[in-house]
Amino acid sequence: MALFLPALVVLIVTTSAPLVYLAWTSLERIDLSMPWLSGFAGAGNYLQMGADPRFWHSLWLTLIYTVSTVVLQVLLGLGLALLVLRIPKGQGILRVAAILPIVLAPVVVGLFWRTLVLAPDVGLVDVVTRALGLPSYNWLGDPKLALLSVIAIHTWQWTPFAFLVMLASLSSLPPDVFEAARIDRASAWQRFRYITLPLIRPAIVIVVIMRTMIALSAFAAIFAATGGGPGTATEILNLYAYRTSFSELNLGYGAALAMVLLAITLAVSFVMFRARRAR
């Protein structure tokens, strides 16, 4: 117990105490631009969200961003894993290459895409589009393209995680089951649908749960690439809470937004883990 106590104290100080302080701040009216109005607000900050169109817009963007990135990562990761399994040599090199986007800091990824990939006229994407005879696009400056761009950034960085998990799961499947299915003249689609997918379902569920939790709390890559802009085109709930707290100096309302995001993340995670155990 004496050996365990210091670690427990450090854990409480670094995690639980900030959460308690955040929850308390969300009940306060703390606006540094108007400090004379500071005081206890109770549920006022939460009630304010109901009439805040910017909150609902950021919540909708968060839903689109999370669902799109998670679905794309699962589909692309599974497709790449199935493709790599057909390559008899060089799988080790491909696995090492897949790790590289994951180990990069999200800020580095955002700046990399902003300056080298999606920069107007000189970015890699624009070079390719102009070579194909297409016009140049302001991928991060156009409100209609900015959300698609940050979805692509997140998908590029974290698809290798899904790929590695799927590849490990597929590599461990028993070959006897597939040989029996071939003898019974099952088609490739039937083998994939009725054998492969059920057997790798635990891996898919874990990938969906982990990637959903990370996508809901995404911040650094989007902030480095667009800062939440142009305007509020890529302002997901996490960025809205940050902007409210540190740009508009409304710490109380920003803390309430962060608490709502925390509640959503915990609720989604709880539902997913319950569904996983139920099956």
C-alpha atoms as a PDB file:
ATOM      1  CA  MET A   1       0.000   0.000   0.000  1.00  0.00           C
ATOM      2  CA  ALA A   2       2.841   2.389   0.831  1.00  0.00           C
ATOM      3  CA  LEU A   3       4.393   1.783  -2.592  1.00  0.00           C
ATOM      4  CA  PHE A   4       1.074   2.272  -4.363  1.00  0.00           C
ATOM      5  CA  LEU A   5       0.084   5.481  -2.522  1.00  0.00           C
ATOM      6  CA  PRO A   6       2.516   7.926  -4.253  1.00  0.00           C
ATOM      7  CA  ALA A   7       1.361   6.817  -7.713  1.00  0.00           C
ATOM      8  CA  LEU A   8      -2.277   7.166  -6.635  1.00  0.00           C
ATOM      9  CA  VAL A   9      -1.670  10.685  -5.311  1.00  0.00           C
ATOM     10  CA  VAL A  10       0.067  11.734  -8.535  1.00  0.00           C
ATOM     11  CA  LEU A  11      -2.802  10.273 -10.587  1.00  0.00           C
ATOM     12  CA  ILE A  12      -5.408  12.141  -8.551  1.00  0.00           C
ATOM     13  CA  VAL A  13      -3.494  15.422  -8.696  1.00  0.00           C
ATOM     14  CA  THR A  14      -2.882  15.250 -12.461  1.00  0.00           C
ATOM     15  CA  THR A  15      -6.283  13.916 -13.602  1.00  0.00           C
ATOM     16  CA  SER A  16      -9.081  14.044 -11.055  1.00  0.00           C
ATOM     17  CA  ALA A  17      -8.259  17.444  -9.548  1.00  0.00           C
ATOM     18  CA  PRO A  18      -8.269  19.278 -12.935  1.00  0.00           C
ATOM     19  CA  LEU A  19     -11.585  17.628 -13.824  1.00  0.00           C
ATOM     20  CA  VAL A  20     -13.136  18.750 -10.551  1.00  0.00           C
ATOM     21  CA  TYR A  21     -11.829  22.273 -11.119  1.00  0.00           C
ATOM     22  CA  LEU A  22     -13.178  22.234 -14.687  1.00  0.00           C
ATOM     23  CA  ALA A  23     -16.606  21.148 -13.446  1.00  0.00           C
ATOM     24  CA  TRP A  24     -16.632  23.897 -10.832  1.00  0.00           C
ATOM     25  CA  THR A  25     -15.494  26.525 -13.362  1.00  0.00           C
ATOM     26  CA  SER A  26     -18.362  25.497 -15.654  1.00  0.00           C
ATOM     27  CA  LEU A  27     -20.761  26.615 -12.913  1.00  0.00           C
ATOM     28  CA  GLU A  28     -19.129  30.031 -12.633  1.00  0.00           C
ATOM     29  CA  ARG A  29     -19.570  33.171 -14.723  1.00  0.00           C
ATOM     30  CA  ILE A  30     -15.919  34.002 -15.526  1.00  0.00           C
ATOM     31  CA  ASP A  31     -15.560  36.435 -18.416  1.00  0.00           C
ATOM     32  CA  LEU A  32     -12.198  38.219 -18.304  1.00  0.00           C
ATOM     33  CA  SER A  33     -13.407  40.787 -20.826  1.00  0.00           C
ATOM     34  CA  MET A  34     -16.142  41.785 -18.336  1.00  0.00           C
ATOM     35  CA  PRO A  35     -14.759  40.798 -14.905  1.00  0.00           C
ATOM     36  CA  TRP A  36     -17.360  42.855 -13.031  1.00  0.00           C
ATOM     37  CA  LEU A  37     -20.004  40.315 -14.085  1.00  0.00           C
ATOM     38  CA  SER A  38     -18.169  37.360 -12.564  1.00  0.00           C
ATOM     39  CA  GLY A  39     -19.994  35.205 -10.037  1.00  0.00           C
ATOM     40  CA  PHE A  40     -21.786  31.927  -9.523  1.00  0.00           C
ATOM     41  CA  ALA A  41     -23.896  31.030 -12.568  1.00  0.00           C
ATOM     42  CA  GLY A  42     -25.175  27.590 -11.596  1.00  0.00           C
ATOM     43  CA  ALA A  43     -26.636  25.918 -14.674  1.00  0.00           C
ATOM     44  CA  GLY A  44     -26.665  29.227 -16.564  1.00  0.00           C
ATOM     45  CA  ASN A  45     -23.742  28.334 -18.805  1.00  0.00           C
ATOM     46  CA  TYR A  46     -25.401  25.066 -19.784  1.00  0.00           C
ATOM     47  CA  LEU A  47     -28.765  26.720 -20.398  1.00  0.00           C
ATOM     48  CA  GLN A  48     -27.040  29.258 -22.624  1.00  0.00           C
ATOM     49  CA  MET A  49     -26.035  26.502 -25.024  1.00  0.00           C
ATOM     50  CA  GLY A  50     -29.643  25.818 -25.946  1.00  0.00           C
ATOM     51  CA  ALA A  51     -29.914  29.228 -27.627  1.00  0.00           C
ATOM     52  CA  ASP A  52     -26.357  29.264 -28.987  1.00  0.00           C
ATOM     53  CA  PRO A  53     -26.362  28.486 -32.745  1.00  0.00           C
ATOM     54  CA  ARG A  54     -22.575  28.320 -32.734  1.00  0.00           C
ATOM     55  CA  PHE A  55     -22.710  25.495 -30.191  1.00  0.00           C
ATOM     56  CA  TRP A  56     -25.135  23.460 -32.299  1.00  0.00           C
ATOM     57  CA  HIS A  57     -23.052  24.145 -35.400  1.00  0.00           C
ATOM     58  CA  SER A  58     -19.877  22.901 -33.670  1.00  0.00           C
ATOM     59  CA  LEU A  59     -21.738  19.867 -32.335  1.00  0.00           C
ATOM     60  CA  TRP A  60     -22.947  19.024 -35.857  1.00  0.00           C
ATOM     61  CA  LEU A  61     -19.421  19.423 -37.240  1.00  0.00           C
ATOM     62  CA  THR A  62     -18.114  17.161 -34.475  1.00  0.00           C
ATOM     63  CA  LEU A  63     -20.619  14.477 -35.463  1.00  0.00           C
ATOM     64  CA  ILE A  64     -19.721  14.737 -39.162  1.00  0.00           C
ATOM     65  CA  TYR A  65     -15.993  14.767 -38.429  1.00  0.00           C
ATOM     66  CA  THR A  66     -16.120  11.792 -36.052  1.00  0.00           C
ATOM     67  CA  VAL A  67     -18.369   9.544 -38.143  1.00  0.00           C
ATOM     68  CA  SER A  68     -16.534  10.325 -41.399  1.00  0.00           C
ATOM     69  CA  THR A  69     -13.033   9.748 -40.049  1.00  0.00           C
ATOM     70  CA  VAL A  70     -13.901   6.560 -38.166  1.00  0.00           C
ATOM     71  CA  VAL A  71     -15.746   4.996 -41.127  1.00  0.00           C
ATOM     72  CA  LEU A  72     -12.964   5.920 -43.543  1.00  0.00           C
ATOM     73  CA  GLN A  73     -10.262   4.574 -41.231  1.00  0.00           C
ATOM     74  CA  VAL A  74     -12.027   1.242 -40.759  1.00  0.00           C
ATOM     75  CA  LEU A  75     -12.777   0.767 -44.463  1.00  0.00           C
ATOM     76  CA  LEU A  76      -9.357   1.875 -45.700  1.00  0.00           C
ATOM     77  CA  GLY A  77      -7.529   0.014 -42.935  1.00  0.00           C
ATOM     78  CA  LEU A  78      -9.378  -3.215 -43.670  1.00  0.00           C
ATOM     79  CA  GLY A  79      -8.897  -2.833 -47.430  1.00  0.00           C
ATOM     80  CA  LEU A  80      -5.163  -2.207 -47.065  1.00  0.00           C
ATOM     81  CA  ALA A  81      -4.805  -5.148 -44.671  1.00  0.00           C
ATOM     82  CA  LEU A  82      -6.529  -7.506 -47.113  1.00  0.00           C
ATOM     83  CA  LEU A  83      -4.308  -6.200 -49.909  1.00  0.00           C
ATOM     84  CA  VAL A  84      -1.058  -6.556 -47.957  1.00  0.00           C
ATOM     85  CA  LEU A  85      -1.915 -10.126 -46.977  1.00  0.00           C
ATOM     86  CA  ARG A  86      -1.694 -11.022 -50.652  1.00  0.00           C
ATOM     87  CA  ILE A  87       1.856  -9.694 -50.845  1.00  0.00           C
ATOM     88  CA  PRO A  88       4.203 -12.570 -49.916  1.00  0.00           C
ATOM     89  CA  LYS A  89       7.301 -10.416 -49.339  1.00  0.00           C
ATOM     90  CA  GLY A  90       7.919  -6.955 -47.962  1.00  0.00           C
ATOM     91  CA  GLN A  91       5.179  -6.948 -45.313  1.00  0.00           C
ATOM     92  CA  GLY A  92       7.688  -5.907 -42.654  1.00  0.00           C
ATOM     93  CA  ILE A  93       8.666  -2.801 -44.612  1.00  0.00           C
ATOM     94  CA  LEU A  94       5.025  -1.898 -45.150  1.00  0.00           C
ATOM     95  CA  ARG A  95       4.297  -2.227 -41.434  1.00  0.00           C
ATOM     96  CA  VAL A  96       7.197   0.052 -40.528  1.00  0.00           C
ATOM     97  CA  ALA A  97       6.082   2.599 -43.139  1.00  0.00           C
ATOM     98  CA  ALA A  98       2.549   2.494 -41.729  1.00  0.00           C
ATOM     99  CA  ILE A  99       3.804   3.464 -38.279  1.00  0.00           C
ATOM    100  CA  LEU A 100       5.371   6.739 -39.460  1.00  0.00           C
ATOM    101  CA  PRO A 101       2.165   8.863 -39.658  1.00  0.00           C
ATOM    102  CA  ILE A 102       1.096   7.600 -36.224  1.00  0.00           C
ATOM    103  CA  VAL A 103       4.297   8.626 -34.428  1.00  0.00           C
ATOM    104  CA  LEU A 104       4.182  12.162 -35.835  1.00  0.00           C
ATOM    105  CA  ALA A 105       2.782  14.786 -33.491  1.00  0.00           C
ATOM    106  CA  PRO A 106      -0.653  16.010 -34.619  1.00  0.00           C
ATOM    107  CA  VAL A 107       0.672  19.579 -34.784  1.00  0.00           C
ATOM    108  CA  VAL A 108       3.413  18.442 -37.170  1.00  0.00           C
ATOM    109  CA  VAL A 109       0.829  16.609 -39.283  1.00  0.00           C
ATOM    110  CA  GLY A 110      -1.374  19.707 -39.480  1.00  0.00           C
ATOM    111  CA  LEU A 111       1.529  21.953 -40.474  1.00  0.00           C
ATOM    112  CA  PHE A 112       2.811  19.372 -42.967  1.00  0.00           C
ATOM    113  CA  TRP A 113      -0.524  19.240 -44.767  1.00  0.00           C
ATOM    114  CA  ARG A 114      -0.985  23.009 -44.550  1.00  0.00           C
ATOM    115  CA  THR A 115       2.404  23.942 -46.017  1.00  0.00           C
ATOM    116  CA  LEU A 116       3.347  21.031 -48.293  1.00  0.00           C
ATOM    117  CA  VAL A 117       0.220  19.141 -49.305  1.00  0.00           C
ATOM    118  CA  LEU A 118      -2.753  21.517 -49.414  1.00  0.00           C
ATOM    119  CA  ALA A 119      -1.053  24.872 -49.932  1.00  0.00           C
ATOM    120  CA  PRO A 120      -2.607  26.716 -52.909  1.00  0.00           C
ATOM    121  CA  ASP A 121      -0.577  26.567 -56.154  1.00  0.00           C
ATOM    122  CA  VAL A 122       2.525  24.945 -54.609  1.00  0.00           C
ATOM    123  CA  GLY A 123       1.011  22.088 -52.585  1.00  0.00           C
ATOM    124  CA  LEU A 124       1.328  18.507 -53.759  1.00  0.00           C
ATOM    125  CA  VAL A 125      -2.428  18.181 -54.309  1.00  0.00           C
ATOM    126  CA  ASP A 126      -2.578  21.332 -56.435  1.00  0.00           C
ATOM    127  CA  VAL A 127       0.439  20.217 -58.473  1.00  0.00           C
ATOM    128  CA  VAL A 128      -1.376  16.981 -59.298  1.00  0.00           C
ATOM    129  CA  THR A 129      -4.716  18.670 -60.070  1.00  0.00           C
ATOM    130  CA  ARG A 130      -3.072  21.201 -62.399  1.00  0.00           C
ATOM    131  CA  ALA A 131      -1.142  18.413 -64.138  1.00  0.00           C
ATOM    132  CA  LEU A 132      -4.536  16.814 -64.825  1.00  0.00           C
ATOM    133  CA  GLY A 133      -5.848  20.059 -66.249  1.00  0.00           C
ATOM    134  CA  LEU A 134      -7.952  20.956 -63.214  1.00  0.00           C
ATOM    135  CA  PRO A 135      -7.961  24.375 -61.522  1.00  0.00           C
ATOM    136  CA  SER A 136      -6.171  25.221 -58.291  1.00  0.00           C
ATOM    137  CA  TYR A 137      -8.193  25.144 -55.067  1.00  0.00           C
ATOM    138  CA  ASN A 138      -7.765  26.844 -51.708  1.00  0.00           C
ATOM    139  CA  TRP A 139      -8.313  23.633 -49.777  1.00  0.00           C
ATOM    140  CA  LEU A 140      -8.004  25.083 -46.285  1.00  0.00           C
ATOM    141  CA  GLY A 141      -9.307  28.573 -47.045  1.00  0.00           C
ATOM    142  CA  ASP A 142     -12.553  27.609 -48.767  1.00  0.00           C
ATOM    143  CA  PRO A 143     -15.359  26.933 -46.232  1.00  0.00           C
ATOM    144  CA  LYS A 144     -16.769  24.228 -48.501  1.00  0.00           C
ATOM    145  CA  LEU A 145     -13.445  22.352 -48.741  1.00  0.00           C
ATOM    146  CA  ALA A 146     -11.886  23.014 -45.344  1.00  0.00           C
ATOM    147  CA  LEU A 147     -13.918  20.371 -43.468  1.00  0.00           C
ATOM    148  CA  LEU A 148     -13.163  17.767 -46.129  1.00  0.00           C
ATOM    149  CA  SER A 149      -9.486  18.680 -45.845  1.00  0.00           C
ATOM    150  CA  VAL A 150      -9.263  18.215 -42.069  1.00  0.00           C
ATOM    151  CA  ILE A 151     -11.155  14.917 -42.402  1.00  0.00           C
ATOM    152  CA  ALA A 152      -8.526  13.822 -44.923  1.00  0.00           C
ATOM    153  CA  ILE A 153      -5.719  14.898 -42.577  1.00  0.00           C
ATOM    154  CA  HIS A 154      -7.097  12.909 -39.636  1.00  0.00           C
ATOM    155  CA  THR A 155      -7.821   9.909 -41.842  1.00  0.00           C
ATOM    156  CA  TRP A 156      -4.300   9.941 -43.289  1.00  0.00           C
ATOM    157  CA  GLN A 157      -2.661   9.994 -39.868  1.00  0.00           C
ATOM    158  CA  TRP A 158      -4.747   7.326 -38.160  1.00  0.00           C
ATOM    159  CA  THR A 159      -5.700   4.881 -40.919  1.00  0.00           C
ATOM    160  CA  PRO A 160      -2.351   3.078 -40.340  1.00  0.00           C
ATOM    161  CA  PHE A 161      -3.497   2.280 -36.800  1.00  0.00           C
ATOM    162  CA  ALA A 162      -6.613   0.553 -38.126  1.00  0.00           C
ATOM    163  CA  PHE A 163      -4.498  -1.100 -40.810  1.00  0.00           C
ATOM    164  CA  LEU A 164      -2.040  -2.596 -38.312  1.00  0.00           C
ATOM    165  CA  VAL A 165      -4.793  -3.878 -36.005  1.00  0.00           C
ATOM    166  CA  MET A 166      -6.712  -5.415 -38.917  1.00  0.00           C
ATOM    167  CA  LEU A 167      -3.566  -6.947 -40.393  1.00  0.00           C
ATOM    168  CA  ALA A 168      -2.646  -8.574 -37.091  1.00  0.00           C
ATOM    169  CA  SER A 169      -6.182  -9.908 -36.686  1.00  0.00           C
ATOM    170  CA  LEU A 170      -6.344 -11.253 -40.244  1.00  0.00           C
ATOM    171  CA  SER A 171      -2.937 -12.890 -39.922  1.00  0.00           C
ATOM    172  CA  SER A 172      -4.108 -14.878 -36.909  1.00  0.00           C
ATOM    173  CA  LEU A 173      -7.205 -16.388 -38.578  1.00  0.00           C
ATOM    174  CA  PRO A 174      -7.193 -20.209 -38.876  1.00  0.00           C
ATOM    175  CA  PRO A 175      -6.651 -21.287 -42.526  1.00  0.00           C
ATOM    176  CA  ASP A 176      -8.576 -24.561 -42.053  1.00  0.00           C
ATOM    177  CA  VAL A 177     -11.899 -22.737 -41.952  1.00  0.00           C
ATOM    178  CA  PHE A 178     -11.234 -21.061 -45.297  1.00  0.00           C
ATOM    179  CA  GLU A 179     -10.068 -24.339 -46.870  1.00  0.00           C
ATOM    180  CA  ALA A 180     -13.328 -25.983 -45.774  1.00  0.00           C
ATOM    181  CA  ALA A 181     -15.291 -23.082 -47.265  1.00  0.00           C
ATOM    182  CA  ARG A 182     -13.441 -23.435 -50.582  1.00  0.00           C
ATOM    183  CA  ILE A 183     -14.208 -27.152 -50.639  1.00  0.00           C
ATOM    184  CA  ASP A 184     -17.871 -26.263 -50.134  1.00  0.00           C
ATOM    185  CA  ARG A 185     -17.521 -23.905 -53.131  1.00  0.00           C
ATOM    186  CA  ALA A 186     -18.106 -20.708 -51.197  1.00  0.00           C
ATOM    187  CA  SER A 187     -17.255 -17.628 -53.249  1.00  0.00           C
ATOM    188  CA  ALA A 188     -14.670 -15.059 -52.176  1.00  0.00           C
ATOM    189  CA  TRP A 189     -17.430 -12.660 -51.105  1.00  0.00           C
ATOM    190  CA  GLN A 190     -19.186 -15.361 -49.088  1.00  0.00           C
ATOM    191  CA  ARG A 191     -15.936 -16.294 -47.354  1.00  0.00           C
ATOM    192  CA  PHE A 192     -15.302 -12.639 -46.520  1.00  0.00           C
ATOM    193  CA  ARG A 193     -18.851 -11.948 -45.324  1.00  0.00           C
ATOM    194  CA  TYR A 194     -19.583 -15.104 -43.353  1.00  0.00           C
ATOM    195  CA  ILE A 195     -16.107 -16.060 -42.108  1.00  0.00           C
ATOM    196  CA  THR A 196     -13.636 -13.189 -42.178  1.00  0.00           C
ATOM    197  CA  LEU A 197     -15.868 -10.399 -40.887  1.00  0.00           C
ATOM    198  CA  PRO A 198     -17.319 -12.364 -37.925  1.00  0.00           C
ATOM    199  CA  LEU A 199     -13.851 -13.552 -36.904  1.00  0.00           C
ATOM    200  CA  ILE A 200     -12.274 -10.095 -36.964  1.00  0.00           C
ATOM    201  CA  ARG A 201     -15.301  -8.359 -35.446  1.00  0.00           C
ATOM    202  CA  PRO A 202     -13.580  -7.866 -32.027  1.00  0.00           C
ATOM    203  CA  ALA A 203     -10.709  -6.052 -33.740  1.00  0.00           C
ATOM    204  CA  ILE A 204     -13.108  -3.847 -35.720  1.00  0.00           C
ATOM    205  CA  VAL A 205     -15.045  -2.948 -32.565  1.00  0.00           C
ATOM    206  CA  ILE A 206     -11.862  -2.017 -30.698  1.00  0.00           C
ATOM    207  CA  VAL A 207     -10.709   0.163 -33.598  1.00  0.00           C
ATOM    208  CA  VAL A 208     -14.101   1.898 -33.769  1.00  0.00           C
ATOM    209  CA  ILE A 209     -14.147   2.557 -30.010  1.00  0.00           C
ATOM    210  CA  MET A 210     -10.596   3.898 -29.813  1.00  0.00           C
ATOM    211  CA  ARG A 211     -10.806   5.997 -32.951  1.00  0.00           C
ATOM    212  CA  THR A 212     -14.174   7.455 -31.938  1.00  0.00           C
ATOM    213  CA  MET A 213     -12.807   8.571 -28.574  1.00  0.00           C
ATOM    214  CA  ILE A 214      -9.784  10.195 -30.228  1.00  0.00           C
ATOM    215  CA  ALA A 215     -11.820  11.844 -33.003  1.00  0.00           C
ATOM    216  CA  LEU A 216     -14.223  13.405 -30.506  1.00  0.00           C
ATOM    217  CA  SER A 217     -11.310  15.055 -28.728  1.00  0.00           C
ATOM    218  CA  ALA A 218      -9.332  15.998 -31.864  1.00  0.00           C
ATOM    219  CA  PHE A 219      -7.677  19.381 -31.602  1.00  0.00           C
ATOM    220  CA  ALA A 220      -3.995  19.825 -32.483  1.00  0.00           C
ATOM    221  CA  ALA A 221      -4.005  18.856 -36.176  1.00  0.00           C
ATOM    222  CA  ILE A 222      -7.098  20.951 -36.973  1.00  0.00           C
ATOM    223  CA  PHE A 223      -5.774  23.889 -34.969  1.00  0.00           C
ATOM    224  CA  ALA A 224      -2.425  23.753 -36.783  1.00  0.00           C
ATOM    225  CA  ALA A 225      -4.047  23.405 -40.209  1.00  0.00           C
ATOM    226  CA  THR A 226      -6.994  25.808 -40.047  1.00  0.00           C
ATOM    227  CA  GLY A 227      -7.301  27.149 -36.508  1.00  0.00           C
ATOM    228  CA  GLY A 228     -10.982  26.231 -36.701  1.00  0.00           C
ATOM    229  CA  GLY A 229     -11.532  28.420 -39.734  1.00  0.00           C
ATOM    230  CA  PRO A 230     -12.186  29.793 -42.159  1.00  0.00           C
ATOM    231  CA  GLY A 231     -14.770  31.382 -39.906  1.00  0.00           C
ATOM    232  CA  THR A 232     -16.302  28.419 -38.122  1.00  0.00           C
ATOM    233  CA  ALA A 233     -16.082  25.945 -41.033  1.00  0.00           C
ATOM    234  CA  THR A 234     -13.890  23.490 -39.086  1.00  0.00           C
ATOM    235  CA  GLU A 235     -14.749  24.580 -35.558  1.00  0.00           C
ATOM    236  CA  ILE A 236     -15.620  21.300 -33.873  1.00  0.00           C
ATOM    237  CA  LEU A 237     -16.751  21.380 -30.250  1.00  0.00           C
ATOM    238  CA  ASN A 238     -13.241  21.017 -28.850  1.00  0.00           C
ATOM    239  CA  LEU A 239     -12.033  24.021 -30.834  1.00  0.00           C
ATOM    240  CA  TYR A 240     -15.109  26.029 -29.911  1.00  0.00           C
ATOM    241  CA  ALA A 241     -14.369  25.439 -26.228  1.00  0.00           C
ATOM    242  CA  TYR A 242     -10.756  26.525 -26.754  1.00  0.00           C
ATOM    243  CA  ARG A 243     -11.683  29.656 -28.700  1.00  0.00           C
ATOM    244  CA  THR A 244     -14.314  30.626 -26.155  1.00  0.00           C
ATOM    245  CA  SER A 245     -11.914  30.202 -23.247  1.00  0.00           C
ATOM    246  CA  PHE A 246      -8.648  31.613 -24.587  1.00  0.00           C
ATOM    247  CA  SER A 247      -9.616  33.886 -27.487  1.00  0.00           C
ATOM    248  CA  GLU A 248     -12.867  35.345 -26.185  1.00  0.00           C
ATOM    249  CA  LEU A 249     -11.735  34.981 -22.516  1.00  0.00           C
ATOM    250  CA  ASN A 250     -15.086  33.529 -21.436  1.00  0.00           C
ATOM    251  CA  LEU A 251     -13.643  30.825 -19.181  1.00  0.00           C
ATOM    252  CA  GLY A 252     -16.901  29.808 -17.545  1.00  0.00           C
ATOM    253  CA  TYR A 253     -18.776  29.117 -20.767  1.00  0.00           C
ATOM    254  CA  GLY A 254     -15.696  27.490 -22.284  1.00  0.00           C
ATOM    255  CA  ALA A 255     -15.457  25.127 -19.319  1.00  0.00           C
ATOM    256  CA  ALA A 256     -19.132  24.239 -19.740  1.00  0.00           C
ATOM    257  CA  LEU A 257     -18.510  23.412 -23.411  1.00  0.00           C
ATOM    258  CA  ALA A 258     -15.586  21.214 -22.407  1.00  0.00           C
ATOM    259  CA  MET A 259     -17.757  19.420 -19.849  1.00  0.00           C
ATOM    260  CA  VAL A 260     -20.390  18.736 -22.511  1.00  0.00           C
ATOM    261  CA  LEU A 261     -17.716  17.289 -24.794  1.00  0.00           C
ATOM    262  CA  LEU A 262     -16.449  15.137 -21.929  1.00  0.00           C
ATOM    263  CA  ALA A 263     -19.970  13.896 -21.215  1.00  0.00           C
ATOM    264  CA  ILE A 264     -20.543  13.050 -24.891  1.00  0.00           C
ATOM    265  CA  THR A 265     -17.239  11.155 -25.089  1.00  0.00           C
ATOM    266  CA  LEU A 266     -17.985   9.160 -21.932  1.00  0.00           C
ATOM    267  CA  ALA A 267     -21.536   8.379 -23.068  1.00  0.00           C
ATOM    268  CA  VAL A 268     -20.463   7.197 -26.522  1.00  0.00           C
ATOM    269  CA  SER A 269     -17.666   5.080 -25.037  1.00  0.00           C
ATOM    270  CA  PHE A 270     -20.029   3.553 -22.472  1.00  0.00           C
ATOM    271  CA  VAL A 271     -22.600   2.631 -25.127  1.00  0.00           C
ATOM    272  CA  MET A 272     -19.955   1.081 -27.372  1.00  0.00           C
ATOM    273  CA  PHE A 273     -18.395  -0.991 -24.602  1.00  0.00           C
ATOM    274  CA  ARG A 274     -21.839  -2.175 -23.475  1.00  0.00           C
ATOM    275  CA  ALA A 275     -22.721  -3.173 -27.039  1.00  0.00           C
ATOM    276  CA  ARG A 276     -19.412  -5.014 -27.328  1.00  0.00           C
ATOM    277  CA  ARG A 277     -20.000  -6.990 -24.120  1.00  0.00           C
ATOM    278  CA  ALA A 278     -23.619  -7.708 -25.071  1.00  0.00           C
ATOM    279  CA  ARG A 279     -22.585  -9.443 -28.253  1.00  0.00           C
END
